[in-house]
Amino acid sequence: MKVLVTGGTGFVGQEVLGQLHSAAHSIHVLARQPRSDRLQKIASQYDLDIHPGDVLEANTIEGSLAGVDAVIHLVGIISEAGTQTFENVHIRGTHNVVEASRKFPIKRLVHMSALGTRAQAKSRYHQSKWAAEEIVRQSGLAFTIFRPSLIYGTGDVFVNLFEKLSRFSPFLPVMGTGRGKLQPVPVDAVARAFVKSLTEPKTIGQTYDLCGPDRLTLLEVLDTILAVTGRRRIRFHLPMPLAWQLAMLLEFVFPRLLRRPPPLNRDQLLMLQEDNVGDPAPANRLFGLQPIPFREGIARFLKS
């Protein structure tokens, strides 16, 4: 199958590319920076065809779709800077990909959403993800939507962040109570679901949660990271009002002065205050997924 991937250079995207390659699919990638060293290295590893383009520029997408059988749409952000806003990337970007795909005989569209996405969500992140889902559902294409919980693995931006903090700091910051529950899922399981869905007719028109077997609070996640690395650190709770003020400051400073997304934003704080759990059973059964326990999973890439 000839597959176009958006967001192929990201953390999840690279795992998807690897599994597409192992499944002998022909892989095409839409890339904003097609000549970057990073992408060139990935291209040589997985024998990619690279197409210059940006999901925010509708006229750059169609050229990558000729002869394509399926689209895996992974592009997404967790923090904003410049034109890379939730509304632009998640809503406008998805609209552009869907509209371009409708002009071709695309057999499958597989879309990356997020667990917790719903109508009337509190966070703008989840609101924009819901709007993107609605675009996909109304596209008329043979779609599948996946909603992963916290995705972890080598190179992730969550587990590895706290592991690095624990190397140098006697404290680990916790925003608020830290009692909102997560259901961390390994990146290889997520990628396997995406790739297998391409050739599974039962997935058409369906939405699946992708979750690990453990329901853990943020405090339990941090404790597990410390246990695996053999470290003892003090958890420092930052009251939510102070965390909110800090997030506002970072949202102002990072995009304007550093031209980078802030490491913490108010949407993340909103999401940390609610449980992020789901039902993994339907996806696990259909795709034969057996996500490993969180502790076992992170022990494979974290060093003590």
C-alpha atoms as a PDB file:
ATOM      1  CA  MET A   1       0.000   0.000   0.000  1.00  0.00           C
ATOM      2  CA  LYS A   2       1.234   3.503  -0.821  1.00  0.00           C
ATOM      3  CA  VAL A   3       0.906   5.601   2.355  1.00  0.00           C
ATOM      4  CA  LEU A   4       1.372   9.338   2.907  1.00  0.00           C
ATOM      5  CA  VAL A   5       2.322  10.313   6.459  1.00  0.00           C
ATOM      6  CA  THR A   6       2.027  13.805   7.907  1.00  0.00           C
ATOM      7  CA  GLY A   7       4.054  14.456  11.047  1.00  0.00           C
ATOM      8  CA  GLY A   8       6.444  11.663  10.148  1.00  0.00           C
ATOM      9  CA  THR A   9       9.488  13.237  11.794  1.00  0.00           C
ATOM     10  CA  GLY A  10       7.883  13.447  15.235  1.00  0.00           C
ATOM     11  CA  PHE A  11       8.237  11.037  18.143  1.00  0.00           C
ATOM     12  CA  VAL A  12       5.255   8.886  17.141  1.00  0.00           C
ATOM     13  CA  GLY A  13       5.783   9.515  13.446  1.00  0.00           C
ATOM     14  CA  GLN A  14       9.214   7.913  13.342  1.00  0.00           C
ATOM     15  CA  GLU A  15       7.885   4.768  15.001  1.00  0.00           C
ATOM     16  CA  VAL A  16       5.009   4.665  12.498  1.00  0.00           C
ATOM     17  CA  LEU A  17       7.474   5.004   9.618  1.00  0.00           C
ATOM     18  CA  GLY A  18       9.528   2.135  10.977  1.00  0.00           C
ATOM     19  CA  GLN A  19       6.534  -0.156  11.257  1.00  0.00           C
ATOM     20  CA  LEU A  20       5.227   0.845   7.822  1.00  0.00           C
ATOM     21  CA  HIS A  21       8.656  -0.057   6.453  1.00  0.00           C
ATOM     22  CA  SER A  22       8.612  -3.428   8.249  1.00  0.00           C
ATOM     23  CA  ALA A  23       5.158  -4.096   6.769  1.00  0.00           C
ATOM     24  CA  ALA A  24       6.552  -3.400   3.273  1.00  0.00           C
ATOM     25  CA  HIS A  25       4.356  -0.387   2.571  1.00  0.00           C
ATOM     26  CA  SER A  26       5.544   2.323   0.183  1.00  0.00           C
ATOM     27  CA  ILE A  27       6.102   5.381   2.399  1.00  0.00           C
ATOM     28  CA  HIS A  28       5.670   9.022   1.459  1.00  0.00           C
ATOM     29  CA  VAL A  29       6.176  11.910   3.889  1.00  0.00           C
ATOM     30  CA  LEU A  30       4.862  15.472   3.751  1.00  0.00           C
ATOM     31  CA  ALA A  31       7.593  17.663   5.257  1.00  0.00           C
ATOM     32  CA  ARG A  32       7.994  21.361   5.968  1.00  0.00           C
ATOM     33  CA  GLN A  33      11.800  21.010   5.951  1.00  0.00           C
ATOM     34  CA  PRO A  34      12.481  18.342   3.343  1.00  0.00           C
ATOM     35  CA  ARG A  35      16.245  18.930   3.266  1.00  0.00           C
ATOM     36  CA  SER A  36      16.862  18.766   6.998  1.00  0.00           C
ATOM     37  CA  ASP A  37      19.611  16.400   8.127  1.00  0.00           C
ATOM     38  CA  ARG A  38      17.155  14.674  10.431  1.00  0.00           C
ATOM     39  CA  LEU A  39      14.701  13.878   7.661  1.00  0.00           C
ATOM     40  CA  GLN A  40      17.425  12.844   5.239  1.00  0.00           C
ATOM     41  CA  LYS A  41      18.705  10.344   7.790  1.00  0.00           C
ATOM     42  CA  ILE A  42      15.196   8.950   8.327  1.00  0.00           C
ATOM     43  CA  ALA A  43      14.632   8.800   4.564  1.00  0.00           C
ATOM     44  CA  SER A  44      17.750   6.717   3.991  1.00  0.00           C
ATOM     45  CA  GLN A  45      16.774   4.382   6.835  1.00  0.00           C
ATOM     46  CA  TYR A  46      13.224   3.715   5.651  1.00  0.00           C
ATOM     47  CA  ASP A  47      13.459   4.422   1.918  1.00  0.00           C
ATOM     48  CA  LEU A  48      11.034   7.352   2.005  1.00  0.00           C
ATOM     49  CA  ASP A  49       9.746   9.581  -0.755  1.00  0.00           C
ATOM     50  CA  ILE A  50       9.789  13.132   0.617  1.00  0.00           C
ATOM     51  CA  HIS A  51       7.270  15.717  -0.538  1.00  0.00           C
ATOM     52  CA  PRO A  52       7.788  19.386   0.436  1.00  0.00           C
ATOM     53  CA  GLY A  53       4.630  20.739   1.998  1.00  0.00           C
ATOM     54  CA  ASP A  54       2.849  22.088   5.034  1.00  0.00           C
ATOM     55  CA  VAL A  55      -0.605  21.147   6.317  1.00  0.00           C
ATOM     56  CA  LEU A  56      -1.224  24.875   6.869  1.00  0.00           C
ATOM     57  CA  GLU A  57      -0.638  25.555   3.164  1.00  0.00           C
ATOM     58  CA  ALA A  58      -3.459  23.779   1.349  1.00  0.00           C
ATOM     59  CA  ASN A  59      -1.910  24.159  -2.096  1.00  0.00           C
ATOM     60  CA  THR A  60       1.204  22.201  -1.049  1.00  0.00           C
ATOM     61  CA  ILE A  61      -0.623  19.016  -0.078  1.00  0.00           C
ATOM     62  CA  GLU A  62      -2.231  17.795  -3.301  1.00  0.00           C
ATOM     63  CA  GLY A  63       1.079  17.133  -5.042  1.00  0.00           C
ATOM     64  CA  SER A  64       1.931  14.497  -2.460  1.00  0.00           C
ATOM     65  CA  LEU A  65      -1.310  12.533  -2.922  1.00  0.00           C
ATOM     66  CA  ALA A  66      -1.006  11.293  -6.495  1.00  0.00           C
ATOM     67  CA  GLY A  67      -1.222   7.518  -6.489  1.00  0.00           C
ATOM     68  CA  VAL A  68      -1.538   7.345  -2.702  1.00  0.00           C
ATOM     69  CA  ASP A  69      -3.813   4.682  -1.212  1.00  0.00           C
ATOM     70  CA  ALA A  70      -3.921   5.891   2.397  1.00  0.00           C
ATOM     71  CA  VAL A  71      -3.108   8.907   4.561  1.00  0.00           C
ATOM     72  CA  ILE A  72      -1.896   8.717   8.163  1.00  0.00           C
ATOM     73  CA  HIS A  73      -2.409  12.169   9.650  1.00  0.00           C
ATOM     74  CA  LEU A  74      -0.241  12.588  12.745  1.00  0.00           C
ATOM     75  CA  VAL A  75       0.514  16.314  12.804  1.00  0.00           C
ATOM     76  CA  GLY A  76      -0.192  17.844  16.195  1.00  0.00           C
ATOM     77  CA  ILE A  77       1.259  20.121  18.861  1.00  0.00           C
ATOM     78  CA  ILE A  78       1.040  20.245  22.648  1.00  0.00           C
ATOM     79  CA  SER A  79       2.109  23.877  22.997  1.00  0.00           C
ATOM     80  CA  GLU A  80       1.766  26.953  20.813  1.00  0.00           C
ATOM     81  CA  ALA A  81       4.158  29.428  19.217  1.00  0.00           C
ATOM     82  CA  GLY A  82       3.621  31.819  16.304  1.00  0.00           C
ATOM     83  CA  THR A  83       1.319  30.354  13.657  1.00  0.00           C
ATOM     84  CA  GLN A  84       1.605  26.934  15.288  1.00  0.00           C
ATOM     85  CA  THR A  85      -1.604  27.259  17.296  1.00  0.00           C
ATOM     86  CA  PHE A  86      -4.068  24.543  18.264  1.00  0.00           C
ATOM     87  CA  GLU A  87      -6.687  26.046  15.980  1.00  0.00           C
ATOM     88  CA  ASN A  88      -4.288  26.288  13.030  1.00  0.00           C
ATOM     89  CA  VAL A  89      -2.516  22.952  13.322  1.00  0.00           C
ATOM     90  CA  HIS A  90      -5.319  20.721  14.585  1.00  0.00           C
ATOM     91  CA  ILE A  91      -8.358  22.261  12.899  1.00  0.00           C
ATOM     92  CA  ARG A  92      -7.139  24.101   9.825  1.00  0.00           C
ATOM     93  CA  GLY A  93      -4.399  21.544   9.143  1.00  0.00           C
ATOM     94  CA  THR A  94      -6.822  18.631   9.349  1.00  0.00           C
ATOM     95  CA  HIS A  95      -9.326  20.468   7.145  1.00  0.00           C
ATOM     96  CA  ASN A  96      -6.635  21.018   4.510  1.00  0.00           C
ATOM     97  CA  VAL A  97      -5.524  17.368   4.565  1.00  0.00           C
ATOM     98  CA  VAL A  98      -9.124  16.124   4.330  1.00  0.00           C
ATOM     99  CA  GLU A  99     -10.077  18.482   1.510  1.00  0.00           C
ATOM    100  CA  ALA A 100      -6.993  17.538  -0.487  1.00  0.00           C
ATOM    101  CA  SER A 101      -7.613  13.827   0.112  1.00  0.00           C
ATOM    102  CA  ARG A 102     -11.189  14.081  -1.122  1.00  0.00           C
ATOM    103  CA  LYS A 103      -9.873  15.031  -4.565  1.00  0.00           C
ATOM    104  CA  PHE A 104      -8.142  11.666  -4.922  1.00  0.00           C
ATOM    105  CA  PRO A 105      -9.284   8.038  -4.646  1.00  0.00           C
ATOM    106  CA  ILE A 106      -7.875   7.719  -1.128  1.00  0.00           C
ATOM    107  CA  LYS A 107      -8.943   4.371   0.367  1.00  0.00           C
ATOM    108  CA  ARG A 108      -8.120   5.080   4.015  1.00  0.00           C
ATOM    109  CA  LEU A 109      -7.574   8.053   6.332  1.00  0.00           C
ATOM    110  CA  VAL A 110      -6.124   7.275   9.766  1.00  0.00           C
ATOM    111  CA  HIS A 111      -6.215  10.214  12.163  1.00  0.00           C
ATOM    112  CA  MET A 112      -4.330  10.917  15.380  1.00  0.00           C
ATOM    113  CA  SER A 113      -6.510  12.447  18.083  1.00  0.00           C
ATOM    114  CA  ALA A 114      -6.055  12.333  21.873  1.00  0.00           C
ATOM    115  CA  LEU A 115      -7.665  10.650  24.853  1.00  0.00           C
ATOM    116  CA  GLY A 116      -9.962  13.055  26.679  1.00  0.00           C
ATOM    117  CA  THR A 117     -11.072  14.731  23.460  1.00  0.00           C
ATOM    118  CA  ARG A 118     -14.781  15.510  23.638  1.00  0.00           C
ATOM    119  CA  ALA A 119     -17.394  18.126  23.003  1.00  0.00           C
ATOM    120  CA  GLN A 120     -17.368  20.885  25.646  1.00  0.00           C
ATOM    121  CA  ALA A 121     -13.857  20.009  26.826  1.00  0.00           C
ATOM    122  CA  LYS A 122     -12.217  22.509  29.182  1.00  0.00           C
ATOM    123  CA  SER A 123      -8.882  22.812  27.388  1.00  0.00           C
ATOM    124  CA  ARG A 124      -8.405  24.440  24.000  1.00  0.00           C
ATOM    125  CA  TYR A 125      -6.157  21.511  23.090  1.00  0.00           C
ATOM    126  CA  HIS A 126      -8.995  19.024  23.526  1.00  0.00           C
ATOM    127  CA  GLN A 127     -11.488  21.406  21.930  1.00  0.00           C
ATOM    128  CA  SER A 128      -9.343  21.674  18.807  1.00  0.00           C
ATOM    129  CA  LYS A 129      -8.800  17.919  18.702  1.00  0.00           C
ATOM    130  CA  TRP A 130     -12.567  17.400  18.887  1.00  0.00           C
ATOM    131  CA  ALA A 131     -13.126  19.852  16.049  1.00  0.00           C
ATOM    132  CA  ALA A 132     -10.546  17.975  13.979  1.00  0.00           C
ATOM    133  CA  GLU A 133     -12.328  14.689  14.685  1.00  0.00           C
ATOM    134  CA  GLU A 134     -15.595  16.207  13.489  1.00  0.00           C
ATOM    135  CA  ILE A 135     -13.924  17.230  10.224  1.00  0.00           C
ATOM    136  CA  VAL A 136     -12.687  13.676   9.741  1.00  0.00           C
ATOM    137  CA  ARG A 137     -16.067  12.138  10.629  1.00  0.00           C
ATOM    138  CA  GLN A 138     -17.842  14.366   8.114  1.00  0.00           C
ATOM    139  CA  SER A 139     -15.232  13.904   5.366  1.00  0.00           C
ATOM    140  CA  GLY A 140     -16.938  11.081   3.506  1.00  0.00           C
ATOM    141  CA  LEU A 141     -13.615   9.197   3.572  1.00  0.00           C
ATOM    142  CA  ALA A 142     -13.055   5.733   5.034  1.00  0.00           C
ATOM    143  CA  PHE A 143     -11.561   6.957   8.297  1.00  0.00           C
ATOM    144  CA  THR A 144     -10.256   5.563  11.561  1.00  0.00           C
ATOM    145  CA  ILE A 145      -9.564   7.759  14.616  1.00  0.00           C
ATOM    146  CA  PHE A 146      -7.189   6.856  17.430  1.00  0.00           C
ATOM    147  CA  ARG A 147      -7.142   8.509  20.852  1.00  0.00           C
ATOM    148  CA  PRO A 148      -3.942   7.635  22.716  1.00  0.00           C
ATOM    149  CA  SER A 149      -3.285   8.423  26.359  1.00  0.00           C
ATOM    150  CA  LEU A 150       0.197   9.610  27.366  1.00  0.00           C
ATOM    151  CA  ILE A 151       2.590   8.016  24.854  1.00  0.00           C
ATOM    152  CA  TYR A 152       6.023   7.060  26.120  1.00  0.00           C
ATOM    153  CA  GLY A 153       9.211   5.599  24.703  1.00  0.00           C
ATOM    154  CA  THR A 154      12.739   6.496  23.693  1.00  0.00           C
ATOM    155  CA  GLY A 155      12.776  10.199  22.878  1.00  0.00           C
ATOM    156  CA  ASP A 156       9.407  11.113  24.380  1.00  0.00           C
ATOM    157  CA  VAL A 157       8.953  14.561  25.914  1.00  0.00           C
ATOM    158  CA  PHE A 158       7.375  13.490  29.207  1.00  0.00           C
ATOM    159  CA  VAL A 159       9.108  10.544  30.852  1.00  0.00           C
ATOM    160  CA  ASN A 160      12.502  11.666  29.579  1.00  0.00           C
ATOM    161  CA  LEU A 161      11.920  15.210  30.856  1.00  0.00           C
ATOM    162  CA  PHE A 162      11.331  14.061  34.417  1.00  0.00           C
ATOM    163  CA  GLU A 163      14.191  11.576  34.177  1.00  0.00           C
ATOM    164  CA  LYS A 164      16.541  14.397  33.178  1.00  0.00           C
ATOM    165  CA  LEU A 165      15.233  16.650  35.930  1.00  0.00           C
ATOM    166  CA  SER A 166      15.845  13.917  38.469  1.00  0.00           C
ATOM    167  CA  ARG A 167      19.484  13.678  37.408  1.00  0.00           C
ATOM    168  CA  PHE A 168      20.341  17.198  38.504  1.00  0.00           C
ATOM    169  CA  SER A 169      17.644  18.379  40.891  1.00  0.00           C
ATOM    170  CA  PRO A 170      16.765  17.138  44.375  1.00  0.00           C
ATOM    171  CA  PHE A 171      13.166  18.180  43.625  1.00  0.00           C
ATOM    172  CA  LEU A 172      10.582  17.065  41.094  1.00  0.00           C
ATOM    173  CA  PRO A 173       7.848  19.634  40.410  1.00  0.00           C
ATOM    174  CA  VAL A 174       4.206  18.568  40.634  1.00  0.00           C
ATOM    175  CA  MET A 175       1.523  20.958  39.438  1.00  0.00           C
ATOM    176  CA  GLY A 176      -1.396  20.864  41.847  1.00  0.00           C
ATOM    177  CA  THR A 177      -2.265  17.627  43.623  1.00  0.00           C
ATOM    178  CA  GLY A 178      -0.842  15.301  40.975  1.00  0.00           C
ATOM    179  CA  ARG A 179      -3.760  12.917  41.480  1.00  0.00           C
ATOM    180  CA  GLY A 180      -5.236  13.027  37.980  1.00  0.00           C
ATOM    181  CA  LYS A 181      -4.932   9.564  36.444  1.00  0.00           C
ATOM    182  CA  LEU A 182      -3.069   8.669  33.264  1.00  0.00           C
ATOM    183  CA  GLN A 183      -2.919   5.427  31.313  1.00  0.00           C
ATOM    184  CA  PRO A 184       0.528   5.533  29.649  1.00  0.00           C
ATOM    185  CA  VAL A 185       0.867   3.549  26.437  1.00  0.00           C
ATOM    186  CA  PRO A 186       4.127   2.540  24.700  1.00  0.00           C
ATOM    187  CA  VAL A 187       4.801   4.172  21.358  1.00  0.00           C
ATOM    188  CA  ASP A 188       5.317   0.854  19.554  1.00  0.00           C
ATOM    189  CA  ALA A 189       1.773  -0.236  20.465  1.00  0.00           C
ATOM    190  CA  VAL A 190       0.357   3.043  19.149  1.00  0.00           C
ATOM    191  CA  ALA A 191       2.246   2.734  15.870  1.00  0.00           C
ATOM    192  CA  ARG A 192       1.193  -0.896  15.483  1.00  0.00           C
ATOM    193  CA  ALA A 193      -2.471   0.077  15.745  1.00  0.00           C
ATOM    194  CA  PHE A 194      -2.082   2.776  13.099  1.00  0.00           C
ATOM    195  CA  VAL A 195      -0.319   0.484  10.655  1.00  0.00           C
ATOM    196  CA  LYS A 196      -2.593  -2.524  11.166  1.00  0.00           C
ATOM    197  CA  SER A 197      -5.727  -0.398  10.770  1.00  0.00           C
ATOM    198  CA  LEU A 198      -4.780   0.313   7.152  1.00  0.00           C
ATOM    199  CA  THR A 199      -5.688  -3.219   6.106  1.00  0.00           C
ATOM    200  CA  GLU A 200      -8.443  -3.964   8.635  1.00  0.00           C
ATOM    201  CA  PRO A 201     -11.908  -3.154   7.208  1.00  0.00           C
ATOM    202  CA  LYS A 202     -13.507  -3.425  10.665  1.00  0.00           C
ATOM    203  CA  THR A 203     -11.802  -0.169  11.674  1.00  0.00           C
ATOM    204  CA  ILE A 204     -13.547   1.970   9.075  1.00  0.00           C
ATOM    205  CA  GLY A 205     -15.691   4.632  10.713  1.00  0.00           C
ATOM    206  CA  GLN A 206     -14.459   3.677  14.194  1.00  0.00           C
ATOM    207  CA  THR A 207     -12.724   5.525  17.045  1.00  0.00           C
ATOM    208  CA  TYR A 208     -10.396   3.661  19.407  1.00  0.00           C
ATOM    209  CA  ASP A 209      -8.760   4.482  22.728  1.00  0.00           C
ATOM    210  CA  LEU A 210      -5.106   3.465  22.935  1.00  0.00           C
ATOM    211  CA  CYS A 211      -4.076   2.962  26.556  1.00  0.00           C
ATOM    212  CA  GLY A 212      -1.687   0.945  28.645  1.00  0.00           C
ATOM    213  CA  PRO A 213      -2.722  -1.543  31.348  1.00  0.00           C
ATOM    214  CA  ASP A 214      -1.884   0.750  34.297  1.00  0.00           C
ATOM    215  CA  ARG A 215      -4.028   3.611  35.583  1.00  0.00           C
ATOM    216  CA  LEU A 216      -1.542   5.811  37.417  1.00  0.00           C
ATOM    217  CA  THR A 217      -1.697   9.220  39.034  1.00  0.00           C
ATOM    218  CA  LEU A 218       1.015  11.687  38.061  1.00  0.00           C
ATOM    219  CA  LEU A 219       2.537  11.066  41.487  1.00  0.00           C
ATOM    220  CA  GLU A 220       2.677   7.331  40.760  1.00  0.00           C
ATOM    221  CA  VAL A 221       4.217   7.992  37.345  1.00  0.00           C
ATOM    222  CA  LEU A 222       6.982  10.061  38.955  1.00  0.00           C
ATOM    223  CA  ASP A 223       7.525   7.444  41.664  1.00  0.00           C
ATOM    224  CA  THR A 224       7.878   4.778  38.989  1.00  0.00           C
ATOM    225  CA  ILE A 225      10.472   6.828  37.096  1.00  0.00           C
ATOM    226  CA  LEU A 226      12.447   7.296  40.310  1.00  0.00           C
ATOM    227  CA  ALA A 227      12.179   3.607  41.190  1.00  0.00           C
ATOM    228  CA  VAL A 228      13.434   2.512  37.765  1.00  0.00           C
ATOM    229  CA  THR A 229      16.371   4.936  37.870  1.00  0.00           C
ATOM    230  CA  GLY A 230      17.165   4.123  41.497  1.00  0.00           C
ATOM    231  CA  ARG A 231      16.857   7.728  42.654  1.00  0.00           C
ATOM    232  CA  ARG A 232      15.252   9.392  45.641  1.00  0.00           C
ATOM    233  CA  ARG A 233      13.876  12.881  45.093  1.00  0.00           C
ATOM    234  CA  ILE A 234      11.520  15.227  46.897  1.00  0.00           C
ATOM    235  CA  ARG A 235       8.243  15.943  45.113  1.00  0.00           C
ATOM    236  CA  PHE A 236       7.576  19.670  45.233  1.00  0.00           C
ATOM    237  CA  HIS A 237       3.885  20.576  44.850  1.00  0.00           C
ATOM    238  CA  LEU A 238       3.274  23.927  43.199  1.00  0.00           C
ATOM    239  CA  PRO A 239      -0.231  25.189  44.107  1.00  0.00           C
ATOM    240  CA  MET A 240      -2.421  25.483  41.055  1.00  0.00           C
ATOM    241  CA  PRO A 241      -2.868  29.290  41.282  1.00  0.00           C
ATOM    242  CA  LEU A 242       0.926  29.723  41.224  1.00  0.00           C
ATOM    243  CA  ALA A 243       1.288  27.150  38.457  1.00  0.00           C
ATOM    244  CA  TRP A 244      -1.313  29.077  36.445  1.00  0.00           C
ATOM    245  CA  GLN A 245       0.653  32.316  36.811  1.00  0.00           C
ATOM    246  CA  LEU A 246       3.880  30.550  35.835  1.00  0.00           C
ATOM    247  CA  ALA A 247       2.238  29.067  32.749  1.00  0.00           C
ATOM    248  CA  MET A 248       0.958  32.500  31.693  1.00  0.00           C
ATOM    249  CA  LEU A 249       4.473  33.932  32.048  1.00  0.00           C
ATOM    250  CA  LEU A 250       6.030  31.122  30.011  1.00  0.00           C
ATOM    251  CA  GLU A 251       3.359  31.466  27.329  1.00  0.00           C
ATOM    252  CA  PHE A 252       4.310  35.139  27.003  1.00  0.00           C
ATOM    253  CA  VAL A 253       8.098  34.794  27.137  1.00  0.00           C
ATOM    254  CA  PHE A 254       8.925  31.715  25.087  1.00  0.00           C
ATOM    255  CA  PRO A 255       7.091  32.502  21.810  1.00  0.00           C
ATOM    256  CA  ARG A 256       8.063  36.184  21.826  1.00  0.00           C
ATOM    257  CA  LEU A 257      11.670  36.068  22.977  1.00  0.00           C
ATOM    258  CA  LEU A 258      12.833  32.551  22.186  1.00  0.00           C
ATOM    259  CA  ARG A 259      10.521  31.778  19.238  1.00  0.00           C
ATOM    260  CA  ARG A 260       9.736  28.449  20.846  1.00  0.00           C
ATOM    261  CA  PRO A 261       6.664  26.841  22.413  1.00  0.00           C
ATOM    262  CA  PRO A 262       6.623  27.150  26.216  1.00  0.00           C
ATOM    263  CA  PRO A 263       7.469  24.042  28.247  1.00  0.00           C
ATOM    264  CA  LEU A 264       4.289  24.561  30.283  1.00  0.00           C
ATOM    265  CA  ASN A 265       0.964  26.094  29.320  1.00  0.00           C
ATOM    266  CA  ARG A 266      -2.469  26.597  30.857  1.00  0.00           C
ATOM    267  CA  ASP A 267      -4.054  23.884  28.703  1.00  0.00           C
ATOM    268  CA  GLN A 268      -1.672  21.333  30.152  1.00  0.00           C
ATOM    269  CA  LEU A 269      -2.645  22.420  33.652  1.00  0.00           C
ATOM    270  CA  LEU A 270      -6.327  22.028  32.838  1.00  0.00           C
ATOM    271  CA  MET A 271      -5.718  18.535  31.495  1.00  0.00           C
ATOM    272  CA  LEU A 272      -3.645  17.516  34.518  1.00  0.00           C
ATOM    273  CA  GLN A 273      -6.637  18.229  36.742  1.00  0.00           C
ATOM    274  CA  GLU A 274      -8.767  15.542  35.101  1.00  0.00           C
ATOM    275  CA  ASP A 275      -8.336  11.821  34.548  1.00  0.00           C
ATOM    276  CA  ASN A 276      -6.945  10.777  31.163  1.00  0.00           C
ATOM    277  CA  VAL A 277      -8.048   7.156  30.985  1.00  0.00           C
ATOM    278  CA  GLY A 278     -10.038   5.043  28.558  1.00  0.00           C
ATOM    279  CA  ASP A 279     -10.982   1.545  27.440  1.00  0.00           C
ATOM    280  CA  PRO A 280      -8.133  -0.198  25.605  1.00  0.00           C
ATOM    281  CA  ALA A 281      -9.943  -3.522  25.171  1.00  0.00           C
ATOM    282  CA  PRO A 282     -11.483  -2.977  21.678  1.00  0.00           C
ATOM    283  CA  ALA A 283      -8.179  -1.897  20.105  1.00  0.00           C
ATOM    284  CA  ASN A 284      -6.175  -4.527  21.971  1.00  0.00           C
ATOM    285  CA  ARG A 285      -8.467  -7.305  20.771  1.00  0.00           C
ATOM    286  CA  LEU A 286      -8.682  -6.199  17.155  1.00  0.00           C
ATOM    287  CA  PHE A 287      -5.004  -5.413  16.640  1.00  0.00           C
ATOM    288  CA  GLY A 288      -3.565  -8.029  18.967  1.00  0.00           C
ATOM    289  CA  LEU A 289      -1.959  -5.372  21.142  1.00  0.00           C
ATOM    290  CA  GLN A 290      -0.437  -6.342  24.461  1.00  0.00           C
ATOM    291  CA  PRO A 291       0.904  -3.082  25.934  1.00  0.00           C
ATOM    292  CA  ILE A 292       3.367  -3.856  28.713  1.00  0.00           C
ATOM    293  CA  PRO A 293       3.159  -2.393  32.231  1.00  0.00           C
ATOM    294  CA  PHE A 294       4.528   1.143  32.536  1.00  0.00           C
ATOM    295  CA  ARG A 295       7.412   0.194  34.827  1.00  0.00           C
ATOM    296  CA  GLU A 296       8.581  -2.549  32.498  1.00  0.00           C
ATOM    297  CA  GLY A 297       8.222  -0.256  29.488  1.00  0.00           C
ATOM    298  CA  ILE A 298      10.300   2.638  30.774  1.00  0.00           C
ATOM    299  CA  ALA A 299      12.943   0.281  32.178  1.00  0.00           C
ATOM    300  CA  ARG A 300      13.787  -0.570  28.565  1.00  0.00           C
ATOM    301  CA  PHE A 301      15.074   2.915  27.794  1.00  0.00           C
ATOM    302  CA  LEU A 302      15.826   4.621  31.119  1.00  0.00           C
ATOM    303  CA  LYS A 303      19.157   4.023  32.780  1.00  0.00           C
ATOM    304  CA  SER A 304      19.729   3.926  36.512  1.00  0.00           C
END
